[in-house]
Structures are given as C-alpha cells and as structure tokens.
Amino acid sequence: MGTVKLVVVMIIMVGLTVEGSRAISLCDMNDEGLEACKPSVTPPDPVDPTPQCCEALKGANLTFLCSYKNSMWLPSLGIDPTLAMGLPAKCSLDMPSDC
C-alpha cells in the first residue's frame, strides 16, 4: 500500500511541475506576450519588436522590469537584460524615471 501512495504522489508532483512550467509570468506579461517579445531580446540576432510584442509591453510592469536589469534571472530565460531594457523605447514607451 505504501508503494501505491508513493507512485500517486510522484504522478501528482510531475503533473504540477509540468503545468507550472507551462505558465510563466514576468513583469505582468503572460506567456503569449513573453513569446511575442522574446525574439527581440534574444541574442545574437534580435529583431525589431512586433506589434503584438509592443501591445503586450504596454501592459507590463516596467518598474518591475527595471529590478531585473542586473539579475541573473533574465539570462537564465535566454533574455539579454540590455536588449530587454531597450525594448520599451523601440515600442515608443517610456521607462520609469528611477530605472
């Protein structure tokens, strides 16, 4: 009976891990917004942001983005922090003054 419980717990944990890895939110942007912007902030050949990226960025918490500019979190996601900090200007958005 103990082995069955362990297997059930393991299946639940794997399910939660897979589900949790599917949905990511960064700076109040959902996965679709992040995916739309990722080509613009990924080296070595970033592209200009798409209208979908700029629209997603309009709803982003740019102050929160500023807090990541010296963090290892963005590079761990394949995002270049310098490119990410320049993205709002490319979408004609103002960065917070304290950034």
N, C-alpha and C. Protein backbone atom coordinates (compact mmCIF):
# COMPACT_ATOMS: atom_id res chain seq x y z
N MET A 1 0.82 -1.20 0.00
CA MET A 1 0.00 0.00 0.00
C MET A 1 0.86 1.26 0.00
N GLY A 2 2.01 1.25 0.67
CA GLY A 2 2.90 2.40 0.73
C GLY A 2 3.46 2.75 -0.64
N THR A 3 3.77 1.74 -1.44
CA THR A 3 4.32 1.97 -2.78
C THR A 3 3.30 2.64 -3.68
N VAL A 4 2.05 2.26 -3.58
CA VAL A 4 0.99 2.86 -4.39
C VAL A 4 0.84 4.35 -4.04
N LYS A 5 0.87 4.67 -2.76
CA LYS A 5 0.76 6.07 -2.35
C LYS A 5 1.94 6.88 -2.88
N LEU A 6 3.13 6.30 -2.82
CA LEU A 6 4.31 7.00 -3.32
C LEU A 6 4.20 7.26 -4.81
N VAL A 7 3.72 6.29 -5.57
CA VAL A 7 3.55 6.46 -7.02
C VAL A 7 2.53 7.55 -7.30
N VAL A 8 1.43 7.55 -6.58
CA VAL A 8 0.39 8.57 -6.77
C VAL A 8 0.95 9.96 -6.47
N VAL A 9 1.68 10.10 -5.39
CA VAL A 9 2.28 11.38 -5.03
C VAL A 9 3.26 11.83 -6.11
N MET A 10 4.05 10.91 -6.62
CA MET A 10 5.01 11.25 -7.67
C MET A 10 4.31 11.71 -8.95
N ILE A 11 3.23 11.05 -9.32
CA ILE A 11 2.47 11.43 -10.51
C ILE A 11 1.88 12.83 -10.33
N ILE A 12 1.36 13.12 -9.16
CA ILE A 12 0.80 14.44 -8.89
C ILE A 12 1.90 15.50 -8.96
N MET A 13 3.06 15.22 -8.39
CA MET A 13 4.16 16.19 -8.40
C MET A 13 4.64 16.46 -9.83
N VAL A 14 4.74 15.43 -10.64
CA VAL A 14 5.15 15.62 -12.03
C VAL A 14 4.11 16.45 -12.77
N GLY A 15 2.85 16.16 -12.54
CA GLY A 15 1.77 16.93 -13.17
C GLY A 15 1.81 18.40 -12.79
N LEU A 16 2.04 18.69 -11.52
CA LEU A 16 2.13 20.08 -11.07
C LEU A 16 3.35 20.77 -11.66
N THR A 17 4.44 20.06 -11.75
CA THR A 17 5.66 20.64 -12.32
C THR A 17 5.45 20.98 -13.79
N VAL A 18 4.86 20.06 -14.55
CA VAL A 18 4.62 20.30 -15.97
C VAL A 18 3.65 21.46 -16.15
N GLU A 19 2.58 21.49 -15.40
CA GLU A 19 1.60 22.56 -15.50
C GLU A 19 2.21 23.89 -15.11
N GLY A 20 3.02 23.91 -14.07
CA GLY A 20 3.65 25.15 -13.62
C GLY A 20 4.66 25.66 -14.61
N SER A 21 5.34 24.77 -15.32
CA SER A 21 6.35 25.21 -16.28
C SER A 21 5.72 25.77 -17.55
N ARG A 22 4.48 25.45 -17.79
CA ARG A 22 3.80 25.93 -18.98
C ARG A 22 3.41 27.39 -18.86
N ALA A 23 3.06 27.83 -17.69
CA ALA A 23 2.59 29.20 -17.50
C ALA A 23 3.65 29.99 -16.75
N ILE A 24 4.14 31.01 -17.39
CA ILE A 24 5.13 31.87 -16.76
C ILE A 24 4.67 33.30 -16.92
N SER A 25 4.89 34.07 -15.90
CA SER A 25 4.54 35.48 -15.95
C SER A 25 5.77 36.26 -15.48
N LEU A 26 6.12 37.27 -16.24
CA LEU A 26 7.27 38.08 -15.90
C LEU A 26 6.88 39.53 -16.13
N CYS A 27 6.99 40.34 -15.10
CA CYS A 27 6.66 41.77 -15.19
C CYS A 27 5.22 41.98 -15.65
N ASP A 28 4.34 41.13 -15.19
CA ASP A 28 2.91 41.17 -15.51
C ASP A 28 2.62 40.90 -16.99
N MET A 29 3.52 40.21 -17.65
CA MET A 29 3.28 39.77 -19.03
C MET A 29 3.03 38.27 -19.01
N ASN A 30 2.02 37.84 -19.75
CA ASN A 30 1.73 36.40 -19.80
C ASN A 30 2.63 35.71 -20.82
N ASP A 31 2.48 34.39 -20.95
CA ASP A 31 3.37 33.64 -21.86
C ASP A 31 3.29 34.14 -23.29
N GLU A 32 2.08 34.50 -23.75
CA GLU A 32 1.93 34.96 -25.13
C GLU A 32 2.71 36.25 -25.36
N GLY A 33 2.63 37.17 -24.42
CA GLY A 33 3.37 38.42 -24.52
C GLY A 33 4.87 38.19 -24.49
N LEU A 34 5.29 37.31 -23.59
CA LEU A 34 6.72 36.99 -23.49
C LEU A 34 7.22 36.34 -24.78
N GLU A 35 6.45 35.43 -25.31
CA GLU A 35 6.84 34.76 -26.55
C GLU A 35 6.88 35.74 -27.72
N ALA A 36 5.96 36.70 -27.75
CA ALA A 36 5.95 37.70 -28.82
C ALA A 36 7.19 38.59 -28.76
N CYS A 37 7.69 38.83 -27.56
CA CYS A 37 8.84 39.72 -27.39
C CYS A 37 10.18 39.00 -27.38
N LYS A 38 10.18 37.72 -27.13
CA LYS A 38 11.45 37.01 -26.96
C LYS A 38 12.41 37.16 -28.14
N PRO A 39 11.96 37.11 -29.40
CA PRO A 39 12.92 37.29 -30.50
C PRO A 39 13.61 38.66 -30.49
N SER A 40 13.01 39.62 -29.82
CA SER A 40 13.57 40.98 -29.77
C SER A 40 14.59 41.15 -28.65
N VAL A 41 14.63 40.21 -27.74
CA VAL A 41 15.53 40.33 -26.58
C VAL A 41 16.48 39.13 -26.47
N THR A 42 16.57 38.35 -27.54
CA THR A 42 17.40 37.16 -27.54
C THR A 42 18.57 37.34 -28.51
N PRO A 43 19.81 37.29 -27.99
CA PRO A 43 20.96 37.37 -28.88
C PRO A 43 21.10 36.07 -29.68
N PRO A 44 21.83 36.01 -30.73
CA PRO A 44 22.75 37.03 -31.20
C PRO A 44 22.13 37.98 -32.22
N ASP A 45 20.97 37.66 -32.78
CA ASP A 45 20.37 38.49 -33.82
C ASP A 45 18.96 38.92 -33.45
N PRO A 46 18.82 39.83 -32.48
CA PRO A 46 17.48 40.26 -32.10
C PRO A 46 16.79 41.00 -33.24
N VAL A 47 15.49 40.86 -33.31
CA VAL A 47 14.69 41.52 -34.34
C VAL A 47 13.91 42.67 -33.71
N ASP A 48 13.39 43.56 -34.54
CA ASP A 48 12.55 44.64 -34.04
C ASP A 48 11.29 44.03 -33.43
N PRO A 49 10.75 44.66 -32.39
CA PRO A 49 9.54 44.11 -31.77
C PRO A 49 8.35 44.17 -32.71
N THR A 50 7.52 43.15 -32.62
CA THR A 50 6.30 43.08 -33.41
C THR A 50 5.21 43.93 -32.75
N PRO A 51 4.16 44.26 -33.48
CA PRO A 51 3.04 44.96 -32.84
C PRO A 51 2.47 44.19 -31.65
N GLN A 52 2.47 42.86 -31.73
CA GLN A 52 1.97 42.03 -30.62
C GLN A 52 2.86 42.20 -29.39
N CYS A 53 4.16 42.26 -29.62
CA CYS A 53 5.10 42.46 -28.51
C CYS A 53 4.85 43.83 -27.87
N CYS A 54 4.76 44.86 -28.69
CA CYS A 54 4.56 46.21 -28.15
C CYS A 54 3.24 46.33 -27.40
N GLU A 55 2.22 45.67 -27.90
CA GLU A 55 0.93 45.69 -27.22
C GLU A 55 1.03 45.01 -25.85
N ALA A 56 1.73 43.89 -25.81
CA ALA A 56 1.93 43.18 -24.53
C ALA A 56 2.76 44.03 -23.58
N LEU A 57 3.75 44.72 -24.12
CA LEU A 57 4.64 45.54 -23.30
C LEU A 57 3.91 46.74 -22.69
N LYS A 58 2.86 47.21 -23.37
CA LYS A 58 2.06 48.33 -22.83
C LYS A 58 1.46 47.99 -21.47
N GLY A 59 1.13 46.72 -21.28
CA GLY A 59 0.53 46.30 -20.02
C GLY A 59 1.53 45.77 -19.01
N ALA A 60 2.81 45.79 -19.36
CA ALA A 60 3.85 45.24 -18.49
C ALA A 60 4.18 46.22 -17.36
N ASN A 61 4.66 45.67 -16.28
CA ASN A 61 5.13 46.47 -15.16
C ASN A 61 6.61 46.79 -15.43
N LEU A 62 6.85 47.96 -16.02
CA LEU A 62 8.21 48.32 -16.42
C LEU A 62 9.10 48.60 -15.22
N THR A 63 8.53 49.04 -14.11
CA THR A 63 9.32 49.23 -12.89
C THR A 63 9.87 47.89 -12.43
N PHE A 64 9.05 46.87 -12.53
CA PHE A 64 9.47 45.53 -12.16
C PHE A 64 10.56 45.05 -13.11
N LEU A 65 10.42 45.37 -14.40
CA LEU A 65 11.45 45.01 -15.37
C LEU A 65 12.78 45.63 -14.98
N CYS A 66 12.76 46.86 -14.51
CA CYS A 66 13.99 47.54 -14.09
C CYS A 66 14.69 46.77 -12.97
N SER A 67 13.92 46.16 -12.11
CA SER A 67 14.53 45.43 -11.00
C SER A 67 15.30 44.20 -11.46
N TYR A 68 15.06 43.76 -12.70
CA TYR A 68 15.74 42.59 -13.23
C TYR A 68 16.98 42.93 -14.05
N LYS A 69 17.28 44.22 -14.26
CA LYS A 69 18.35 44.57 -15.20
C LYS A 69 19.73 44.06 -14.79
N ASN A 70 19.97 43.85 -13.51
CA ASN A 70 21.26 43.30 -13.06
C ASN A 70 21.12 41.89 -12.48
N SER A 71 20.01 41.28 -12.74
CA SER A 71 19.73 39.96 -12.19
C SER A 71 20.18 38.86 -13.16
N MET A 72 20.42 37.69 -12.64
CA MET A 72 20.74 36.54 -13.48
C MET A 72 19.47 35.84 -13.95
N TRP A 73 18.32 36.30 -13.49
CA TRP A 73 17.05 35.67 -13.84
C TRP A 73 16.77 35.79 -15.34
N LEU A 74 16.94 36.99 -15.92
CA LEU A 74 16.67 37.16 -17.35
C LEU A 74 17.59 36.30 -18.21
N PRO A 75 18.91 36.33 -17.99
CA PRO A 75 19.77 35.45 -18.79
C PRO A 75 19.42 33.96 -18.65
N SER A 76 18.94 33.57 -17.49
CA SER A 76 18.57 32.16 -17.32
C SER A 76 17.38 31.78 -18.19
N LEU A 77 16.62 32.79 -18.63
CA LEU A 77 15.49 32.56 -19.53
C LEU A 77 15.86 32.81 -20.99
N GLY A 78 17.15 33.10 -21.24
CA GLY A 78 17.60 33.37 -22.60
C GLY A 78 17.37 34.80 -23.03
N ILE A 79 17.13 35.69 -22.07
CA ILE A 79 16.83 37.10 -22.36
C ILE A 79 18.05 37.94 -22.02
N ASP A 80 18.46 38.79 -22.95
CA ASP A 80 19.57 39.70 -22.72
C ASP A 80 19.02 40.93 -21.99
N PRO A 81 19.49 41.20 -20.76
CA PRO A 81 18.95 42.33 -19.99
C PRO A 81 19.09 43.68 -20.70
N THR A 82 20.18 43.91 -21.41
CA THR A 82 20.37 45.17 -22.12
C THR A 82 19.33 45.33 -23.23
N LEU A 83 19.10 44.25 -23.97
CA LEU A 83 18.07 44.28 -25.01
C LEU A 83 16.69 44.48 -24.40
N ALA A 84 16.43 43.83 -23.26
CA ALA A 84 15.13 43.97 -22.60
C ALA A 84 14.90 45.40 -22.13
N MET A 85 15.95 46.05 -21.61
CA MET A 85 15.81 47.44 -21.14
C MET A 85 15.57 48.40 -22.31
N GLY A 86 16.04 48.06 -23.50
CA GLY A 86 15.85 48.92 -24.66
C GLY A 86 14.55 48.69 -25.40
N LEU A 87 13.86 47.62 -25.06
CA LEU A 87 12.63 47.26 -25.77
C LEU A 87 11.52 48.30 -25.64
N PRO A 88 11.25 48.84 -24.44
CA PRO A 88 10.17 49.84 -24.35
C PRO A 88 10.37 51.03 -25.30
N ALA A 89 11.59 51.53 -25.43
CA ALA A 89 11.85 52.66 -26.33
C ALA A 89 11.53 52.28 -27.77
N LYS A 90 11.82 51.05 -28.15
CA LYS A 90 11.51 50.61 -29.51
C LYS A 90 10.02 50.51 -29.76
N CYS A 91 9.25 50.43 -28.68
CA CYS A 91 7.79 50.40 -28.77
C CYS A 91 7.19 51.77 -28.43
N SER A 92 8.02 52.79 -28.40
CA SER A 92 7.59 54.17 -28.08
C SER A 92 6.96 54.27 -26.70
N LEU A 93 7.51 53.52 -25.76
CA LEU A 93 7.06 53.57 -24.37
C LEU A 93 8.16 54.17 -23.52
N ASP A 94 7.79 54.89 -22.47
CA ASP A 94 8.75 55.50 -21.57
C ASP A 94 9.06 54.54 -20.42
N MET A 95 10.34 54.43 -20.12
CA MET A 95 10.76 53.67 -18.94
C MET A 95 10.55 54.55 -17.72
N PRO A 96 10.32 53.95 -16.56
CA PRO A 96 10.20 54.74 -15.34
C PRO A 96 11.47 55.55 -15.10
N SER A 97 11.31 56.73 -14.55
CA SER A 97 12.45 57.63 -14.34
C SER A 97 13.49 57.07 -13.37
N ASP A 98 13.07 56.21 -12.48
CA ASP A 98 14.00 55.65 -11.49
C ASP A 98 14.65 54.34 -11.95
N CYS A 99 14.61 54.09 -13.23
CA CYS A 99 15.13 52.82 -13.76
C CYS A 99 16.59 52.95 -14.11
